[in-house]
Amino acid sequence: YRTWHDDSGYHARLHRELPDDALAYGCMQHLHADTAP
């Protein structure tokens, strides 16, 4: 993941692009959270 923090919280984005069927399976390309843990 590539990670960063901004005013809206913590973010992580997978380095590789997931295909549509992976996203339909429930995998996420981008994650967001309020805390690092």
PDB file of all heavy atoms in Angstrom:
ATOM      1  N   TYR A   1       0.823  -1.210   0.000  1.00  0.00           N
ATOM      2  CA  TYR A   1       0.000   0.000   0.000  1.00  0.00           C
ATOM      3  C   TYR A   1       0.857   1.260   0.000  1.00  0.00           C
ATOM      4  O   TYR A   1       1.932   1.289   0.581  1.00  0.00           O
ATOM      5  CB  TYR A   1      -0.883   0.061   1.261  1.00  0.00           C
ATOM      6  CG  TYR A   1      -1.974  -0.970   1.314  1.00  0.00           C
ATOM      7  CD1 TYR A   1      -1.741  -2.226   1.867  1.00  0.00           C
ATOM      8  CD2 TYR A   1      -3.239  -0.689   0.832  1.00  0.00           C
ATOM      9  CE1 TYR A   1      -2.743  -3.182   1.926  1.00  0.00           C
ATOM     10  CE2 TYR A   1      -4.248  -1.635   0.893  1.00  0.00           C
ATOM     11  CZ  TYR A   1      -3.996  -2.881   1.439  1.00  0.00           C
ATOM     12  OH  TYR A   1      -4.995  -3.812   1.501  1.00  0.00           O
ATOM     13  N   ARG A   2       0.326   2.307  -0.624  1.00  0.00           N
ATOM     14  CA  ARG A   2       0.867   3.655  -0.473  1.00  0.00           C
ATOM     15  C   ARG A   2      -0.015   4.308   0.590  1.00  0.00           C
ATOM     16  O   ARG A   2      -1.243   4.257   0.495  1.00  0.00           O
ATOM     17  CB  ARG A   2       0.770   4.428  -1.795  1.00  0.00           C
ATOM     18  CG  ARG A   2       1.359   5.828  -1.722  1.00  0.00           C
ATOM     19  CD  ARG A   2       1.349   6.506  -3.066  1.00  0.00           C
ATOM     20  NE  ARG A   2       0.026   6.894  -3.496  1.00  0.00           N
ATOM     21  CZ  ARG A   2      -0.590   8.027  -3.147  1.00  0.00           C
ATOM     22  NH1 ARG A   2       0.000   8.886  -2.353  1.00  0.00           N
ATOM     23  NH2 ARG A   2      -1.789   8.297  -3.595  1.00  0.00           N
ATOM     24  N   THR A   3       0.581   4.886   1.594  1.00  0.00           N
ATOM     25  CA  THR A   3      -0.200   5.457   2.696  1.00  0.00           C
ATOM     26  C   THR A   3       0.057   6.946   2.830  1.00  0.00           C
ATOM     27  O   THR A   3       1.118   7.448   2.468  1.00  0.00           O
ATOM     28  CB  THR A   3       0.143   4.761   4.034  1.00  0.00           C
ATOM     29  OG1 THR A   3       1.532   4.946   4.308  1.00  0.00           O
ATOM     30  CG2 THR A   3      -0.186   3.283   3.992  1.00  0.00           C
ATOM     31  N   TRP A   4      -0.930   7.641   3.361  1.00  0.00           N
ATOM     32  CA  TRP A   4      -0.789   9.062   3.654  1.00  0.00           C
ATOM     33  C   TRP A   4      -1.821   9.469   4.694  1.00  0.00           C
ATOM     34  O   TRP A   4      -2.762   8.740   4.980  1.00  0.00           O
ATOM     35  CB  TRP A   4      -0.897   9.912   2.386  1.00  0.00           C
ATOM     36  CG  TRP A   4      -2.261   9.983   1.761  1.00  0.00           C
ATOM     37  CD1 TRP A   4      -3.203  10.950   1.937  1.00  0.00           C
ATOM     38  CD2 TRP A   4      -2.840   9.046   0.842  1.00  0.00           C
ATOM     39  NE1 TRP A   4      -4.317  10.667   1.186  1.00  0.00           N
ATOM     40  CE2 TRP A   4      -4.112   9.513   0.506  1.00  0.00           C
ATOM     41  CE3 TRP A   4      -2.386   7.853   0.272  1.00  0.00           C
ATOM     42  CZ2 TRP A   4      -4.946   8.831  -0.365  1.00  0.00           C
ATOM     43  CZ3 TRP A   4      -3.226   7.172  -0.596  1.00  0.00           C
ATOM     44  CH2 TRP A   4      -4.484   7.669  -0.908  1.00  0.00           C
ATOM     45  N   HIS A   5      -1.606  10.643   5.250  1.00  0.00           N
ATOM     46  CA  HIS A   5      -2.510  11.211   6.247  1.00  0.00           C
ATOM     47  C   HIS A   5      -2.847  12.627   5.815  1.00  0.00           C
ATOM     48  O   HIS A   5      -1.983  13.371   5.353  1.00  0.00           O
ATOM     49  CB  HIS A   5      -1.842  11.234   7.631  1.00  0.00           C
ATOM     50  CG  HIS A   5      -2.723  11.783   8.702  1.00  0.00           C
ATOM     51  ND1 HIS A   5      -2.725  13.098   9.045  1.00  0.00           N
ATOM     52  CD2 HIS A   5      -3.655  11.187   9.477  1.00  0.00           C
ATOM     53  CE1 HIS A   5      -3.610  13.297  10.011  1.00  0.00           C
ATOM     54  NE2 HIS A   5      -4.185  12.141  10.286  1.00  0.00           N
ATOM     55  N   ASP A   6      -4.117  12.997   5.943  1.00  0.00           N
ATOM     56  CA  ASP A   6      -4.535  14.361   5.667  1.00  0.00           C
ATOM     57  C   ASP A   6      -5.611  14.756   6.677  1.00  0.00           C
ATOM     58  O   ASP A   6      -5.833  14.040   7.656  1.00  0.00           O
ATOM     59  CB  ASP A   6      -4.996  14.528   4.215  1.00  0.00           C
ATOM     60  CG  ASP A   6      -6.203  13.674   3.856  1.00  0.00           C
ATOM     61  OD1 ASP A   6      -6.931  13.214   4.771  1.00  0.00           O
ATOM     62  OD2 ASP A   6      -6.430  13.460   2.655  1.00  0.00           O
ATOM     63  N   ASP A   7      -6.268  15.870   6.431  1.00  0.00           N
ATOM     64  CA  ASP A   7      -7.266  16.371   7.383  1.00  0.00           C
ATOM     65  C   ASP A   7      -8.445  15.422   7.584  1.00  0.00           C
ATOM     66  O   ASP A   7      -9.122  15.480   8.608  1.00  0.00           O
ATOM     67  CB  ASP A   7      -7.785  17.733   6.933  1.00  0.00           C
ATOM     68  CG  ASP A   7      -6.728  18.811   7.029  1.00  0.00           C
ATOM     69  OD1 ASP A   7      -5.760  18.627   7.789  1.00  0.00           O
ATOM     70  OD2 ASP A   7      -6.861  19.842   6.343  1.00  0.00           O
ATOM     71  N   SER A   8      -8.700  14.536   6.617  1.00  0.00           N
ATOM     72  CA  SER A   8      -9.837  13.632   6.757  1.00  0.00           C
ATOM     73  C   SER A   8      -9.460  12.293   7.385  1.00  0.00           C
ATOM     74  O   SER A   8     -10.314  11.444   7.593  1.00  0.00           O
ATOM     75  CB  SER A   8     -10.506  13.399   5.399  1.00  0.00           C
ATOM     76  OG  SER A   8      -9.670  12.657   4.549  1.00  0.00           O
ATOM     77  N   GLY A   9      -8.166  12.076   7.663  1.00  0.00           N
ATOM     78  CA  GLY A   9      -7.744  10.854   8.333  1.00  0.00           C
ATOM     79  C   GLY A   9      -6.602  10.159   7.625  1.00  0.00           C
ATOM     80  O   GLY A   9      -5.821  10.778   6.898  1.00  0.00           O
ATOM     81  N   TYR A  10      -6.524   8.851   7.835  1.00  0.00           N
ATOM     82  CA  TYR A  10      -5.464   8.021   7.268  1.00  0.00           C
ATOM     83  C   TYR A  10      -5.991   7.306   6.024  1.00  0.00           C
ATOM     84  O   TYR A  10      -7.144   6.882   5.993  1.00  0.00           O
ATOM     85  CB  TYR A  10      -5.002   6.987   8.295  1.00  0.00           C
ATOM     86  CG  TYR A  10      -4.278   7.604   9.458  1.00  0.00           C
ATOM     87  CD1 TYR A  10      -4.974   8.061  10.565  1.00  0.00           C
ATOM     88  CD2 TYR A  10      -2.900   7.743   9.442  1.00  0.00           C
ATOM     89  CE1 TYR A  10      -4.308   8.642  11.635  1.00  0.00           C
ATOM     90  CE2 TYR A  10      -2.219   8.309  10.506  1.00  0.00           C
ATOM     91  CZ  TYR A  10      -2.935   8.759  11.599  1.00  0.00           C
ATOM     92  OH  TYR A  10      -2.267   9.329  12.637  1.00  0.00           O
ATOM     93  N   HIS A  11      -5.116   7.167   5.024  1.00  0.00           N
ATOM     94  CA  HIS A  11      -5.502   6.549   3.764  1.00  0.00           C
ATOM     95  C   HIS A  11      -4.452   5.519   3.352  1.00  0.00           C
ATOM     96  O   HIS A  11      -3.265   5.685   3.647  1.00  0.00           O
ATOM     97  CB  HIS A  11      -5.596   7.594   2.643  1.00  0.00           C
ATOM     98  CG  HIS A  11      -6.526   8.713   2.954  1.00  0.00           C
ATOM     99  ND1 HIS A  11      -7.851   8.690   2.592  1.00  0.00           N
ATOM    100  CD2 HIS A  11      -6.325   9.886   3.597  1.00  0.00           C
ATOM    101  CE1 HIS A  11      -8.430   9.815   3.005  1.00  0.00           C
ATOM    102  NE2 HIS A  11      -7.518  10.551   3.611  1.00  0.00           N
ATOM    103  N   ALA A  12      -4.905   4.501   2.641  1.00  0.00           N
ATOM    104  CA  ALA A  12      -4.008   3.514   2.055  1.00  0.00           C
ATOM    105  C   ALA A  12      -4.588   3.114   0.706  1.00  0.00           C
ATOM    106  O   ALA A  12      -5.795   2.923   0.575  1.00  0.00           O
ATOM    107  CB  ALA A  12      -3.872   2.289   2.953  1.00  0.00           C
ATOM    108  N   ARG A  13      -3.726   3.022  -0.288  1.00  0.00           N
ATOM    109  CA  ARG A  13      -4.147   2.605  -1.629  1.00  0.00           C
ATOM    110  C   ARG A  13      -3.232   1.486  -2.098  1.00  0.00           C
ATOM    111  O   ARG A  13      -2.015   1.604  -2.026  1.00  0.00           O
ATOM    112  CB  ARG A  13      -4.082   3.784  -2.595  1.00  0.00           C
ATOM    113  CG  ARG A  13      -4.533   3.439  -3.980  1.00  0.00           C
ATOM    114  CD  ARG A  13      -4.704   4.682  -4.841  1.00  0.00           C
ATOM    115  NE  ARG A  13      -5.099   4.335  -6.181  1.00  0.00           N
ATOM    116  CZ  ARG A  13      -6.318   3.989  -6.557  1.00  0.00           C
ATOM    117  NH1 ARG A  13      -7.292   3.947  -5.678  1.00  0.00           N
ATOM    118  NH2 ARG A  13      -6.582   3.692  -7.804  1.00  0.00           N
ATOM    119  N   LEU A  14      -3.854   0.398  -2.553  1.00  0.00           N
ATOM    120  CA  LEU A  14      -3.082  -0.720  -3.085  1.00  0.00           C
ATOM    121  C   LEU A  14      -2.213  -0.247  -4.241  1.00  0.00           C
ATOM    122  O   LEU A  14      -2.647   0.562  -5.063  1.00  0.00           O
ATOM    123  CB  LEU A  14      -4.013  -1.821  -3.592  1.00  0.00           C
ATOM    124  CG  LEU A  14      -4.453  -2.857  -2.577  1.00  0.00           C
ATOM    125  CD1 LEU A  14      -5.522  -3.753  -3.178  1.00  0.00           C
ATOM    126  CD2 LEU A  14      -3.289  -3.687  -2.091  1.00  0.00           C
ATOM    127  N   HIS A  15      -0.980  -0.767  -4.304  1.00  0.00           N
ATOM    128  CA  HIS A  15      -0.071  -0.390  -5.385  1.00  0.00           C
ATOM    129  C   HIS A  15      -0.599  -0.855  -6.743  1.00  0.00           C
ATOM    130  O   HIS A  15      -0.454  -0.163  -7.730  1.00  0.00           O
ATOM    131  CB  HIS A  15       1.326  -0.973  -5.160  1.00  0.00           C
ATOM    132  CG  HIS A  15       2.072  -0.321  -4.041  1.00  0.00           C
ATOM    133  ND1 HIS A  15       2.384   1.018  -4.027  1.00  0.00           N
ATOM    134  CD2 HIS A  15       2.568  -0.822  -2.895  1.00  0.00           C
ATOM    135  CE1 HIS A  15       3.046   1.310  -2.917  1.00  0.00           C
ATOM    136  NE2 HIS A  15       3.164   0.208  -2.204  1.00  0.00           N
ATOM    137  N   ARG A  16      -1.198  -2.032  -6.781  1.00  0.00           N
ATOM    138  CA  ARG A  16      -1.705  -2.553  -8.057  1.00  0.00           C
ATOM    139  C   ARG A  16      -3.195  -2.257  -8.193  1.00  0.00           C
ATOM    140  O   ARG A  16      -3.920  -2.164  -7.196  1.00  0.00           O
ATOM    141  CB  ARG A  16      -1.452  -4.054  -8.168  1.00  0.00           C
ATOM    142  CG  ARG A  16      -2.272  -4.863  -7.183  1.00  0.00           C
ATOM    143  CD  ARG A  16      -2.001  -6.335  -7.346  1.00  0.00           C
ATOM    144  NE  ARG A  16      -2.880  -7.086  -6.464  1.00  0.00           N
ATOM    145  CZ  ARG A  16      -3.261  -8.308  -6.714  1.00  0.00           C
ATOM    146  NH1 ARG A  16      -2.856  -8.930  -7.778  1.00  0.00           N
ATOM    147  NH2 ARG A  16      -4.049  -8.940  -5.862  1.00  0.00           N
ATOM    148  N   GLU A  17      -3.632  -2.118  -9.425  1.00  0.00           N
ATOM    149  CA  GLU A  17      -5.047  -1.892  -9.688  1.00  0.00           C
ATOM    150  C   GLU A  17      -5.795  -3.220  -9.644  1.00  0.00           C
ATOM    151  O   GLU A  17      -5.397  -4.184 -10.302  1.00  0.00           O
ATOM    152  CB  GLU A  17      -5.241  -1.235 -11.058  1.00  0.00           C
ATOM    153  CG  GLU A  17      -4.799   0.214 -11.123  1.00  0.00           C
ATOM    154  CD  GLU A  17      -5.675   1.130 -10.306  1.00  0.00           C
ATOM    155  OE1 GLU A  17      -6.919   0.963 -10.289  1.00  0.00           O
ATOM    156  OE2 GLU A  17      -5.111   2.033  -9.654  1.00  0.00           O
ATOM    157  N   LEU A  18      -6.849  -3.255  -8.879  1.00  0.00           N
ATOM    158  CA  LEU A  18      -7.668  -4.463  -8.802  1.00  0.00           C
ATOM    159  C   LEU A  18      -8.690  -4.468  -9.933  1.00  0.00           C
ATOM    160  O   LEU A  18      -9.273  -3.427 -10.251  1.00  0.00           O
ATOM    161  CB  LEU A  18      -8.396  -4.524  -7.463  1.00  0.00           C
ATOM    162  CG  LEU A  18      -7.528  -4.719  -6.228  1.00  0.00           C
ATOM    163  CD1 LEU A  18      -8.370  -4.561  -4.970  1.00  0.00           C
ATOM    164  CD2 LEU A  18      -6.852  -6.076  -6.251  1.00  0.00           C
ATOM    165  N   PRO A  19      -8.942  -5.630 -10.528  1.00  0.00           N
ATOM    166  CA  PRO A  19      -9.972  -5.709 -11.567  1.00  0.00           C
ATOM    167  C   PRO A  19     -11.369  -5.618 -10.948  1.00  0.00           C
ATOM    168  O   PRO A  19     -11.550  -5.785  -9.733  1.00  0.00           O
ATOM    169  CB  PRO A  19      -9.738  -7.073 -12.206  1.00  0.00           C
ATOM    170  CG  PRO A  19      -9.022  -7.870 -11.184  1.00  0.00           C
ATOM    171  CD  PRO A  19      -8.248  -6.894 -10.341  1.00  0.00           C
ATOM    172  N   ASP A  20     -12.344  -5.367 -11.800  1.00  0.00           N
ATOM    173  CA  ASP A  20     -13.726  -5.208 -11.335  1.00  0.00           C
ATOM    174  C   ASP A  20     -14.238  -6.426 -10.567  1.00  0.00           C
ATOM    175  O   ASP A  20     -14.976  -6.271  -9.598  1.00  0.00           O
ATOM    176  CB  ASP A  20     -14.659  -4.916 -12.516  1.00  0.00           C
ATOM    177  CG  ASP A  20     -14.433  -3.528 -13.092  1.00  0.00           C
ATOM    178  OD1 ASP A  20     -13.877  -2.658 -12.378  1.00  0.00           O
ATOM    179  OD2 ASP A  20     -14.818  -3.306 -14.261  1.00  0.00           O
ATOM    180  N   ASP A  21     -13.857  -7.630 -10.983  1.00  0.00           N
ATOM    181  CA  ASP A  21     -14.364  -8.810 -10.272  1.00  0.00           C
ATOM    182  C   ASP A  21     -13.786  -8.903  -8.860  1.00  0.00           C
ATOM    183  O   ASP A  21     -14.434  -9.426  -7.957  1.00  0.00           O
ATOM    184  CB  ASP A  21     -14.162 -10.107 -11.062  1.00  0.00           C
ATOM    185  CG  ASP A  21     -12.726 -10.382 -11.437  1.00  0.00           C
ATOM    186  OD1 ASP A  21     -11.942  -9.439 -11.617  1.00  0.00           O
ATOM    187  OD2 ASP A  21     -12.376 -11.577 -11.572  1.00  0.00           O
ATOM    188  N   ALA A  22     -12.579  -8.392  -8.638  1.00  0.00           N
ATOM    189  CA  ALA A  22     -12.026  -8.359  -7.280  1.00  0.00           C
ATOM    190  C   ALA A  22     -12.799  -7.360  -6.419  1.00  0.00           C
ATOM    191  O   ALA A  22     -13.098  -7.634  -5.253  1.00  0.00           O
ATOM    192  CB  ALA A  22     -10.543  -7.988  -7.308  1.00  0.00           C
ATOM    193  N   LEU A  23     -13.136  -6.229  -7.002  1.00  0.00           N
ATOM    194  CA  LEU A  23     -13.921  -5.227  -6.268  1.00  0.00           C
ATOM    195  C   LEU A  23     -15.312  -5.777  -5.957  1.00  0.00           C
ATOM    196  O   LEU A  23     -15.838  -5.560  -4.857  1.00  0.00           O
ATOM    197  CB  LEU A  23     -14.009  -3.930  -7.070  1.00  0.00           C
ATOM    198  CG  LEU A  23     -12.668  -3.252  -7.368  1.00  0.00           C
ATOM    199  CD1 LEU A  23     -12.867  -2.061  -8.292  1.00  0.00           C
ATOM    200  CD2 LEU A  23     -11.961  -2.836  -6.085  1.00  0.00           C
ATOM    201  N   ALA A  24     -15.894  -6.505  -6.900  1.00  0.00           N
ATOM    202  CA  ALA A  24     -17.208  -7.121  -6.671  1.00  0.00           C
ATOM    203  C   ALA A  24     -17.134  -8.187  -5.590  1.00  0.00           C
ATOM    204  O   ALA A  24     -18.114  -8.419  -4.873  1.00  0.00           O
ATOM    205  CB  ALA A  24     -17.742  -7.721  -7.976  1.00  0.00           C
ATOM    206  N   TYR A  25     -15.985  -8.826  -5.449  1.00  0.00           N
ATOM    207  CA  TYR A  25     -15.778  -9.847  -4.417  1.00  0.00           C
ATOM    208  C   TYR A  25     -15.685  -9.221  -3.026  1.00  0.00           C
ATOM    209  O   TYR A  25     -15.826  -9.896  -2.020  1.00  0.00           O
ATOM    210  CB  TYR A  25     -14.501 -10.634  -4.752  1.00  0.00           C
ATOM    211  CG  TYR A  25     -14.285 -11.879  -3.928  1.00  0.00           C
ATOM    212  CD1 TYR A  25     -14.967 -13.053  -4.209  1.00  0.00           C
ATOM    213  CD2 TYR A  25     -13.386 -11.876  -2.871  1.00  0.00           C
ATOM    214  CE1 TYR A  25     -14.758 -14.202  -3.460  1.00  0.00           C
ATOM    215  CE2 TYR A  25     -13.167 -13.026  -2.116  1.00  0.00           C
ATOM    216  CZ  TYR A  25     -13.851 -14.172  -2.414  1.00  0.00           C
ATOM    217  OH  TYR A  25     -13.649 -15.303  -1.676  1.00  0.00           O
ATOM    218  N   GLY A  26     -15.432  -7.915  -2.966  1.00  0.00           N
ATOM    219  CA  GLY A  26     -15.338  -7.228  -1.679  1.00  0.00           C
ATOM    220  C   GLY A  26     -13.973  -6.648  -1.385  1.00  0.00           C
ATOM    221  O   GLY A  26     -13.762  -6.049  -0.325  1.00  0.00           O
ATOM    222  N   CYS A  27     -13.023  -6.832  -2.306  1.00  0.00           N
ATOM    223  CA  CYS A  27     -11.697  -6.236  -2.129  1.00  0.00           C
ATOM    224  C   CYS A  27     -11.804  -4.726  -2.330  1.00  0.00           C
ATOM    225  O   CYS A  27     -12.646  -4.251  -3.090  1.00  0.00           O
ATOM    226  CB  CYS A  27     -10.726  -6.818  -3.145  1.00  0.00           C
ATOM    227  SG  CYS A  27     -10.593  -8.622  -3.089  1.00  0.00           S
ATOM    228  N   MET A  28     -10.931  -3.985  -1.655  1.00  0.00           N
ATOM    229  CA  MET A  28     -10.985  -2.534  -1.758  1.00  0.00           C
ATOM    230  C   MET A  28      -9.669  -1.984  -2.283  1.00  0.00           C
ATOM    231  O   MET A  28      -8.601  -2.412  -1.858  1.00  0.00           O
ATOM    232  CB  MET A  28     -11.319  -1.936  -0.398  1.00  0.00           C
ATOM    233  CG  MET A  28     -12.633  -2.489   0.126  1.00  0.00           C
ATOM    234  SD  MET A  28     -13.476  -1.534   1.356  1.00  0.00           S
ATOM    235  CE  MET A  28     -13.424   0.092   0.791  1.00  0.00           C
ATOM    236  N   GLN A  29      -9.766  -1.038  -3.200  1.00  0.00           N
ATOM    237  CA  GLN A  29      -8.590  -0.386  -3.764  1.00  0.00           C
ATOM    238  C   GLN A  29      -8.058   0.673  -2.815  1.00  0.00           C
ATOM    239  O   GLN A  29      -6.860   0.840  -2.649  1.00  0.00           O
ATOM    240  CB  GLN A  29      -8.964   0.258  -5.111  1.00  0.00           C
ATOM    241  CG  GLN A  29      -7.784   0.783  -5.874  1.00  0.00           C
ATOM    242  CD  GLN A  29      -6.937  -0.336  -6.445  1.00  0.00           C
ATOM    243  OE1 GLN A  29      -7.458  -1.245  -7.081  1.00  0.00           O
ATOM    244  NE2 GLN A  29      -5.651  -0.280  -6.221  1.00  0.00           N
ATOM    245  N   HIS A  30      -8.963   1.402  -2.173  1.00  0.00           N
ATOM    246  CA  HIS A  30      -8.600   2.508  -1.296  1.00  0.00           C
ATOM    247  C   HIS A  30      -9.236   2.293   0.074  1.00  0.00           C
ATOM    248  O   HIS A  30     -10.405   1.934   0.165  1.00  0.00           O
ATOM    249  CB  HIS A  30      -9.092   3.835  -1.898  1.00  0.00           C
ATOM    250  CG  HIS A  30      -8.818   5.016  -1.043  1.00  0.00           C
ATOM    251  ND1 HIS A  30      -9.770   5.582  -0.239  1.00  0.00           N
ATOM    252  CD2 HIS A  30      -7.696   5.747  -0.860  1.00  0.00           C
ATOM    253  CE1 HIS A  30      -9.248   6.613   0.409  1.00  0.00           C
ATOM    254  NE2 HIS A  30      -7.993   6.734   0.044  1.00  0.00           N
ATOM    255  N   LEU A  31      -8.451   2.498   1.112  1.00  0.00           N
ATOM    256  CA  LEU A  31      -8.941   2.359   2.484  1.00  0.00           C
ATOM    257  C   LEU A  31      -8.849   3.708   3.188  1.00  0.00           C
ATOM    258  O   LEU A  31      -7.945   4.494   2.910  1.00  0.00           O
ATOM    259  CB  LEU A  31      -8.098   1.336   3.248  1.00  0.00           C
ATOM    260  CG  LEU A  31      -7.962  -0.046   2.619  1.00  0.00           C
ATOM    261  CD1 LEU A  31      -6.943  -0.866   3.386  1.00  0.00           C
ATOM    262  CD2 LEU A  31      -9.298  -0.740   2.572  1.00  0.00           C
ATOM    263  N   HIS A  32      -9.761   3.948   4.106  1.00  0.00           N
ATOM    264  CA  HIS A  32      -9.758   5.175   4.895  1.00  0.00           C
ATOM    265  C   HIS A  32     -10.082   4.821   6.336  1.00  0.00           C
ATOM    266  O   HIS A  32     -10.916   3.962   6.608  1.00  0.00           O
ATOM    267  CB  HIS A  32     -10.803   6.167   4.361  1.00  0.00           C
ATOM    268  CG  HIS A  32     -10.917   7.388   5.204  1.00  0.00           C
ATOM    269  ND1 HIS A  32     -11.870   7.506   6.189  1.00  0.00           N
ATOM    270  CD2 HIS A  32     -10.198   8.519   5.231  1.00  0.00           C
ATOM    271  CE1 HIS A  32     -11.717   8.681   6.781  1.00  0.00           C
ATOM    272  NE2 HIS A  32     -10.717   9.311   6.219  1.00  0.00           N
ATOM    273  N   ALA A  33      -9.399   5.494   7.277  1.00  0.00           N
ATOM    274  CA  ALA A  33      -9.656   5.263   8.705  1.00  0.00           C
ATOM    275  C   ALA A  33      -9.345   6.537   9.479  1.00  0.00           C
ATOM    276  O   ALA A  33      -8.605   7.406   9.012  1.00  0.00           O
ATOM    277  CB  ALA A  33      -8.797   4.119   9.220  1.00  0.00           C
ATOM    278  N   ASP A  34      -9.907   6.617  10.672  1.00  0.00           N
ATOM    279  CA  ASP A  34      -9.670   7.779  11.535  1.00  0.00           C
ATOM    280  C   ASP A  34      -8.356   7.675  12.295  1.00  0.00           C
ATOM    281  O   ASP A  34      -7.795   8.692  12.682  1.00  0.00           O
ATOM    282  CB  ASP A  34     -10.824   7.950  12.525  1.00  0.00           C
ATOM    283  CG  ASP A  34     -12.129   8.319  11.835  1.00  0.00           C
ATOM    284  OD1 ASP A  34     -12.080   8.977  10.781  1.00  0.00           O
ATOM    285  OD2 ASP A  34     -13.195   7.927  12.338  1.00  0.00           O
ATOM    286  N   THR A  35      -7.877   6.446  12.534  1.00  0.00           N
ATOM    287  CA  THR A  35      -6.650   6.257  13.303  1.00  0.00           C
ATOM    288  C   THR A  35      -5.695   5.322  12.553  1.00  0.00           C
ATOM    289  O   THR A  35      -6.126   4.531  11.701  1.00  0.00           O
ATOM    290  CB  THR A  35      -6.935   5.643  14.691  1.00  0.00           C
ATOM    291  OG1 THR A  35      -7.436   4.314  14.507  1.00  0.00           O
ATOM    292  CG2 THR A  35      -7.927   6.477  15.487  1.00  0.00           C
ATOM    293  N   ALA A  36      -4.420   5.401  12.895  1.00  0.00           N
ATOM    294  CA  ALA A  36      -3.426   4.537  12.273  1.00  0.00           C
ATOM    295  C   ALA A  36      -3.687   3.055  12.580  1.00  0.00           C
ATOM    296  O   ALA A  36      -3.623   2.223  11.665  1.00  0.00           O
ATOM    297  CB  ALA A  36      -2.018   4.951  12.691  1.00  0.00           C
ATOM    298  N   PRO A  37      -3.991   2.685  13.836  1.00  0.00           N
ATOM    299  CA  PRO A  37      -4.276   1.261  14.107  1.00  0.00           C
ATOM    300  C   PRO A  37      -5.495   0.751  13.339  1.00  0.00           C
ATOM    301  O   PRO A  37      -5.506  -0.390  12.870  1.00  0.00           O
ATOM    302  CB  PRO A  37      -4.514   1.217  15.617  1.00  0.00           C
ATOM    303  CG  PRO A  37      -3.790   2.403  16.157  1.00  0.00           C
ATOM    304  CD  PRO A  37      -3.923   3.457  15.091  1.00  0.00           C
TER     305      PRO A  37
END
